[in-house]
């Protein structure tokens, strides 16, 4: 279990599900629908939902492309973390927010699989979090023109390698959206 002391809760982390990030993403509608269903379940089960929103020179804060997709909307009171790097923890308030919520276990969703999702997974795990990737709730765009595999292979490979991650005192792995267990929300 988590190596973080007195952090028994679980949080759903929604990373960069923004207009420009997922506009042309692989299986976009299905992934966004899975995330929306998880957000709804987390709220019902009183599990914290934490939103992450990226900005950079190609996607400036406040621009239309920077906005979270219309199918998703943070509720008032749900933390919204602004970031400028791939790892959602890097130079942000994410760790402080999660600590304040008593969170030691993260369920990670969002985009892009091969950049911000992978960076955030590793960032969370090395910081002591139990870190689960929701296998059908993350996506990426096709960058095969620049030498990467097609998006479905990037997603499959990320699910494969994350399902075998190990570290002392922490758990990692993947879980399908339909099988997510928030662990009781207020108590986990």
Foldseek 3Di string as FASTA:
>chain_A
DFPDPQQQFEEEEAEAQFQQFQVQWDVSVQLLVLVLVLVVVLVVLQAAYAYEFEADPVRHPPDRRRHHDPSDDDDPPRHYWYDHALASVPPICVVVVSVVLSHQEYEYAYDDLVTNRVNNQVVSVVVGHQYEYALSNHIGHQPCVVPDDGTVVSSVVSQVVQQPDDDPPYHTHYHHSVPDDRPRNNRD
